Amino acid sequence: MTTTMHDDCAFTLETFLPYHLHTVSSLIMQLTTRRYARELDVSVAEGRVLTAVSSFGPLSTHEIAGRTRMDKAKVSRAVKHLVARGWLLRDINPDDNRLIMLTLTREGRKIHDAVVPIITAIEREIVDAIGANSKAAFMEMLTKIEERLDKSMLEDSLLTDKS
């Protein structure tokens, strides 16, 4: 166990929750990247865009970024690539002509339908590790963490805007 003394306080990375959350998230991303590349020639960003549009669409690029918590530039690049491949269709929003709404094409739906088994298999691996009975409690804990961090982001944003 690695312990560092800083300002007379012991800090142990191995017991630091954000470190573990980040590590797990990175492992999930690496595994997803490998499987998408091997099976579909799709990036993780593209897979996330397809899944968001399928689940919540039609969506604007801005809405996709918000729902997936991806950087807007990364979403824009993925959308551009998906449109070029014929998997997403761009339409003008009838309520606001300035907005472009994205929907899956028939071919995009097929790719999305191939993404789902990959991501659900990864979820099964995670659930197998913690036990099926723990999934609901774990999801509840993650939701609480996400809600608290959303609140912190808002508070930080308000403080930053004042300075």
C-alpha atoms as a PDB file:
ATOM      1  CA  MET A   1       0.000   0.000   0.000  1.00  0.00           C
ATOM      2  CA  THR A   2       1.380   3.392  -1.011  1.00  0.00           C
ATOM      3  CA  THR A   3       1.000   6.149   1.538  1.00  0.00           C
ATOM      4  CA  THR A   4       2.161   9.707   1.007  1.00  0.00           C
ATOM      5  CA  MET A   5       2.548  12.236   3.763  1.00  0.00           C
ATOM      6  CA  HIS A   6       1.304  15.646   2.775  1.00  0.00           C
ATOM      7  CA  ASP A   7       0.657  18.404   5.291  1.00  0.00           C
ATOM      8  CA  ASP A   8       0.776  15.824   8.088  1.00  0.00           C
ATOM      9  CA  CYS A   9      -2.137  13.885   6.522  1.00  0.00           C
ATOM     10  CA  ALA A  10      -1.813  10.372   5.206  1.00  0.00           C
ATOM     11  CA  PHE A  11      -3.108   9.902   1.669  1.00  0.00           C
ATOM     12  CA  THR A  12      -3.544   6.439   0.229  1.00  0.00           C
ATOM     13  CA  LEU A  13      -4.312   6.294  -3.464  1.00  0.00           C
ATOM     14  CA  GLU A  14      -5.531   2.706  -3.191  1.00  0.00           C
ATOM     15  CA  THR A  15      -8.431   3.823  -0.972  1.00  0.00           C
ATOM     16  CA  PHE A  16      -9.211   7.049  -2.859  1.00  0.00           C
ATOM     17  CA  LEU A  17     -12.665   6.591  -4.443  1.00  0.00           C
ATOM     18  CA  PRO A  18     -12.240   8.972  -7.430  1.00  0.00           C
ATOM     19  CA  TYR A  19      -9.078   7.099  -8.385  1.00  0.00           C
ATOM     20  CA  HIS A  20     -10.967   3.801  -8.473  1.00  0.00           C
ATOM     21  CA  LEU A  21     -13.934   5.279 -10.355  1.00  0.00           C
ATOM     22  CA  HIS A  22     -11.586   6.736 -12.956  1.00  0.00           C
ATOM     23  CA  THR A  23      -9.656   3.467 -13.264  1.00  0.00           C
ATOM     24  CA  VAL A  24     -12.831   1.430 -13.763  1.00  0.00           C
ATOM     25  CA  SER A  25     -14.151   3.961 -16.265  1.00  0.00           C
ATOM     26  CA  SER A  26     -10.868   3.794 -18.202  1.00  0.00           C
ATOM     27  CA  LEU A  27     -10.964  -0.004 -18.274  1.00  0.00           C
ATOM     28  CA  ILE A  28     -14.551   0.027 -19.546  1.00  0.00           C
ATOM     29  CA  MET A  29     -13.577   2.542 -22.245  1.00  0.00           C
ATOM     30  CA  GLN A  30     -10.541   0.471 -23.321  1.00  0.00           C
ATOM     31  CA  LEU A  31     -12.565  -2.737 -23.482  1.00  0.00           C
ATOM     32  CA  THR A  32     -15.369  -1.037 -25.402  1.00  0.00           C
ATOM     33  CA  THR A  33     -12.880   0.526 -27.823  1.00  0.00           C
ATOM     34  CA  ARG A  34     -11.292  -2.856 -28.579  1.00  0.00           C
ATOM     35  CA  ARG A  35     -14.590  -4.628 -29.097  1.00  0.00           C
ATOM     36  CA  TYR A  36     -16.125  -1.871 -31.244  1.00  0.00           C
ATOM     37  CA  ALA A  37     -12.998  -1.719 -33.410  1.00  0.00           C
ATOM     38  CA  ARG A  38     -12.759  -5.497 -33.763  1.00  0.00           C
ATOM     39  CA  GLU A  39     -16.423  -6.176 -34.461  1.00  0.00           C
ATOM     40  CA  LEU A  40     -17.821  -3.018 -36.075  1.00  0.00           C
ATOM     41  CA  ASP A  41     -15.091  -0.553 -37.061  1.00  0.00           C
ATOM     42  CA  VAL A  42     -16.881   2.030 -34.914  1.00  0.00           C
ATOM     43  CA  SER A  43     -15.326   4.360 -32.346  1.00  0.00           C
ATOM     44  CA  VAL A  44     -16.682   4.571 -28.805  1.00  0.00           C
ATOM     45  CA  ALA A  45     -17.822   8.144 -29.481  1.00  0.00           C
ATOM     46  CA  GLU A  46     -19.731   6.974 -32.571  1.00  0.00           C
ATOM     47  CA  GLY A  47     -21.292   4.115 -30.621  1.00  0.00           C
ATOM     48  CA  ARG A  48     -22.375   6.488 -27.862  1.00  0.00           C
ATOM     49  CA  VAL A  49     -23.893   8.911 -30.397  1.00  0.00           C
ATOM     50  CA  LEU A  50     -25.803   6.081 -32.096  1.00  0.00           C
ATOM     51  CA  THR A  51     -27.070   4.821 -28.738  1.00  0.00           C
ATOM     52  CA  ALA A  52     -28.132   8.305 -27.586  1.00  0.00           C
ATOM     53  CA  VAL A  53     -29.988   9.032 -30.826  1.00  0.00           C
ATOM     54  CA  SER A  54     -31.659   5.622 -30.709  1.00  0.00           C
ATOM     55  CA  SER A  55     -32.697   6.047 -27.078  1.00  0.00           C
ATOM     56  CA  PHE A  56     -33.715   9.713 -27.045  1.00  0.00           C
ATOM     57  CA  GLY A  57     -33.768  10.928 -30.668  1.00  0.00           C
ATOM     58  CA  PRO A  58     -34.156  12.863 -32.728  1.00  0.00           C
ATOM     59  CA  LEU A  59     -31.454  14.957 -31.033  1.00  0.00           C
ATOM     60  CA  SER A  60     -29.265  17.937 -31.809  1.00  0.00           C
ATOM     61  CA  THR A  61     -25.497  17.696 -31.435  1.00  0.00           C
ATOM     62  CA  HIS A  62     -25.774  19.860 -28.315  1.00  0.00           C
ATOM     63  CA  GLU A  63     -28.373  17.495 -26.803  1.00  0.00           C
ATOM     64  CA  ILE A  64     -26.189  14.476 -27.576  1.00  0.00           C
ATOM     65  CA  ALA A  65     -23.244  16.131 -25.810  1.00  0.00           C
ATOM     66  CA  GLY A  66     -25.432  16.804 -22.772  1.00  0.00           C
ATOM     67  CA  ARG A  67     -26.897  13.316 -22.586  1.00  0.00           C
ATOM     68  CA  THR A  68     -23.589  11.513 -23.103  1.00  0.00           C
ATOM     69  CA  ARG A  69     -21.396  14.008 -21.190  1.00  0.00           C
ATOM     70  CA  MET A  70     -19.056  13.986 -24.145  1.00  0.00           C
ATOM     71  CA  ASP A  71     -17.104  17.010 -25.328  1.00  0.00           C
ATOM     72  CA  LYS A  72     -19.059  18.914 -28.016  1.00  0.00           C
ATOM     73  CA  ALA A  73     -16.118  18.745 -30.442  1.00  0.00           C
ATOM     74  CA  LYS A  74     -15.897  14.957 -30.039  1.00  0.00           C
ATOM     75  CA  VAL A  75     -19.654  14.663 -30.640  1.00  0.00           C
ATOM     76  CA  SER A  76     -19.402  16.864 -33.743  1.00  0.00           C
ATOM     77  CA  ARG A  77     -16.588  14.726 -35.184  1.00  0.00           C
ATOM     78  CA  ALA A  78     -18.525  11.522 -34.491  1.00  0.00           C
ATOM     79  CA  VAL A  79     -21.701  12.947 -36.016  1.00  0.00           C
ATOM     80  CA  LYS A  80     -19.824  14.101 -39.116  1.00  0.00           C
ATOM     81  CA  HIS A  81     -18.351  10.617 -39.551  1.00  0.00           C
ATOM     82  CA  LEU A  82     -21.702   8.880 -38.949  1.00  0.00           C
ATOM     83  CA  VAL A  83     -23.481  11.152 -41.454  1.00  0.00           C
ATOM     84  CA  ALA A  84     -20.728  10.473 -44.028  1.00  0.00           C
ATOM     85  CA  ARG A  85     -21.169   6.726 -43.518  1.00  0.00           C
ATOM     86  CA  GLY A  86     -24.921   7.071 -44.028  1.00  0.00           C
ATOM     87  CA  TRP A  87     -25.816   6.020 -40.479  1.00  0.00           C
ATOM     88  CA  LEU A  88     -27.259   9.353 -39.300  1.00  0.00           C
ATOM     89  CA  LEU A  89     -29.628  11.678 -41.096  1.00  0.00           C
ATOM     90  CA  ARG A  90     -29.522  15.441 -40.542  1.00  0.00           C
ATOM     91  CA  ASP A  91     -32.861  17.287 -40.636  1.00  0.00           C
ATOM     92  CA  ILE A  92     -33.853  20.855 -39.867  1.00  0.00           C
ATOM     93  CA  ASN A  93     -35.777  21.168 -36.601  1.00  0.00           C
ATOM     94  CA  PRO A  94     -39.312  22.211 -37.609  1.00  0.00           C
ATOM     95  CA  ASP A  95     -39.657  24.279 -34.415  1.00  0.00           C
ATOM     96  CA  ASP A  96     -36.332  26.110 -34.861  1.00  0.00           C
ATOM     97  CA  ASN A  97     -34.778  26.286 -38.323  1.00  0.00           C
ATOM     98  CA  ARG A  98     -31.375  27.053 -36.769  1.00  0.00           C
ATOM     99  CA  LEU A  99     -31.148  23.579 -35.202  1.00  0.00           C
ATOM    100  CA  ILE A 100     -30.181  20.360 -36.944  1.00  0.00           C
ATOM    101  CA  MET A 101     -31.823  17.217 -35.586  1.00  0.00           C
ATOM    102  CA  LEU A 102     -30.212  13.834 -36.016  1.00  0.00           C
ATOM    103  CA  THR A 103     -31.972  10.506 -36.522  1.00  0.00           C
ATOM    104  CA  LEU A 104     -30.760   7.019 -37.333  1.00  0.00           C
ATOM    105  CA  THR A 105     -31.004   5.795 -40.899  1.00  0.00           C
ATOM    106  CA  ARG A 106     -31.997   2.188 -41.574  1.00  0.00           C
ATOM    107  CA  GLU A 107     -28.282   1.316 -41.849  1.00  0.00           C
ATOM    108  CA  GLY A 108     -27.568   3.290 -38.673  1.00  0.00           C
ATOM    109  CA  ARG A 109     -30.218   1.254 -36.862  1.00  0.00           C
ATOM    110  CA  LYS A 110     -28.455  -1.955 -37.955  1.00  0.00           C
ATOM    111  CA  ILE A 111     -25.127  -0.691 -36.580  1.00  0.00           C
ATOM    112  CA  HIS A 112     -26.805   0.431 -33.355  1.00  0.00           C
ATOM    113  CA  ASP A 113     -28.403  -2.997 -33.044  1.00  0.00           C
ATOM    114  CA  ALA A 114     -24.901  -4.506 -33.337  1.00  0.00           C
ATOM    115  CA  VAL A 115     -23.542  -2.087 -30.681  1.00  0.00           C
ATOM    116  CA  VAL A 116     -26.109  -3.135 -28.072  1.00  0.00           C
ATOM    117  CA  PRO A 117     -24.890  -6.725 -27.589  1.00  0.00           C
ATOM    118  CA  ILE A 118     -21.325  -5.455 -27.175  1.00  0.00           C
ATOM    119  CA  ILE A 119     -22.189  -2.965 -24.442  1.00  0.00           C
ATOM    120  CA  THR A 120     -24.613  -5.298 -22.692  1.00  0.00           C
ATOM    121  CA  ALA A 121     -21.929  -8.013 -22.639  1.00  0.00           C
ATOM    122  CA  ILE A 122     -19.593  -5.559 -20.900  1.00  0.00           C
ATOM    123  CA  GLU A 123     -22.355  -4.709 -18.437  1.00  0.00           C
ATOM    124  CA  ARG A 124     -22.819  -8.446 -17.750  1.00  0.00           C
ATOM    125  CA  GLU A 125     -19.108  -8.743 -16.970  1.00  0.00           C
ATOM    126  CA  ILE A 126     -19.432  -5.903 -14.456  1.00  0.00           C
ATOM    127  CA  VAL A 127     -22.572  -7.380 -12.884  1.00  0.00           C
ATOM    128  CA  ASP A 128     -20.913 -10.799 -12.701  1.00  0.00           C
ATOM    129  CA  ALA A 129     -18.102  -9.168 -10.712  1.00  0.00           C
ATOM    130  CA  ILE A 130     -20.407  -7.526  -8.142  1.00  0.00           C
ATOM    131  CA  GLY A 131     -23.305  -9.983  -8.192  1.00  0.00           C
ATOM    132  CA  ALA A 132     -26.731  -9.476  -9.716  1.00  0.00           C
ATOM    133  CA  ASN A 133     -28.249  -8.675  -6.331  1.00  0.00           C
ATOM    134  CA  SER A 134     -25.836  -5.736  -5.909  1.00  0.00           C
ATOM    135  CA  LYS A 135     -26.588  -4.071  -9.255  1.00  0.00           C
ATOM    136  CA  ALA A 136     -29.607  -2.040  -8.107  1.00  0.00           C
ATOM    137  CA  ALA A 137     -27.802  -0.775  -5.007  1.00  0.00           C
ATOM    138  CA  PHE A 138     -24.693   0.051  -7.059  1.00  0.00           C
ATOM    139  CA  MET A 139     -26.792   1.931  -9.638  1.00  0.00           C
ATOM    140  CA  GLU A 140     -28.474   3.860  -6.829  1.00  0.00           C
ATOM    141  CA  MET A 141     -25.063   4.809  -5.404  1.00  0.00           C
ATOM    142  CA  LEU A 142     -23.789   5.908  -8.810  1.00  0.00           C
ATOM    143  CA  THR A 143     -26.928   8.013  -9.328  1.00  0.00           C
ATOM    144  CA  LYS A 144     -26.364   9.729  -5.984  1.00  0.00           C
ATOM    145  CA  ILE A 145     -22.729  10.417  -6.870  1.00  0.00           C
ATOM    146  CA  GLU A 146     -23.729  11.783 -10.277  1.00  0.00           C
ATOM    147  CA  GLU A 147     -26.415  14.032  -8.770  1.00  0.00           C
ATOM    148  CA  ARG A 148     -23.998  15.362  -6.156  1.00  0.00           C
ATOM    149  CA  LEU A 149     -21.303  16.041  -8.733  1.00  0.00           C
ATOM    150  CA  ASP A 150     -23.835  17.755 -11.029  1.00  0.00           C
ATOM    151  CA  LYS A 151     -24.684  20.030  -8.104  1.00  0.00           C
ATOM    152  CA  SER A 152     -20.979  20.673  -7.476  1.00  0.00           C
ATOM    153  CA  MET A 153     -20.452  21.513 -11.159  1.00  0.00           C
ATOM    154  CA  LEU A 154     -23.314  24.003 -11.024  1.00  0.00           C
ATOM    155  CA  GLU A 155     -21.954  25.571  -7.827  1.00  0.00           C
ATOM    156  CA  ASP A 156     -18.464  25.778  -9.332  1.00  0.00           C
ATOM    157  CA  SER A 157     -19.881  27.325 -12.466  1.00  0.00           C
ATOM    158  CA  LEU A 158     -21.690  29.989 -10.434  1.00  0.00           C
ATOM    159  CA  LEU A 159     -18.485  30.779  -8.514  1.00  0.00           C
ATOM    160  CA  THR A 160     -16.471  30.961 -11.731  1.00  0.00           C
ATOM    161  CA  ASP A 161     -19.047  33.266 -13.349  1.00  0.00           C
ATOM    162  CA  LYS A 162     -18.771  35.677 -10.392  1.00  0.00           C
ATOM    163  CA  SER A 163     -15.014  35.994 -10.646  1.00  0.00           C
END
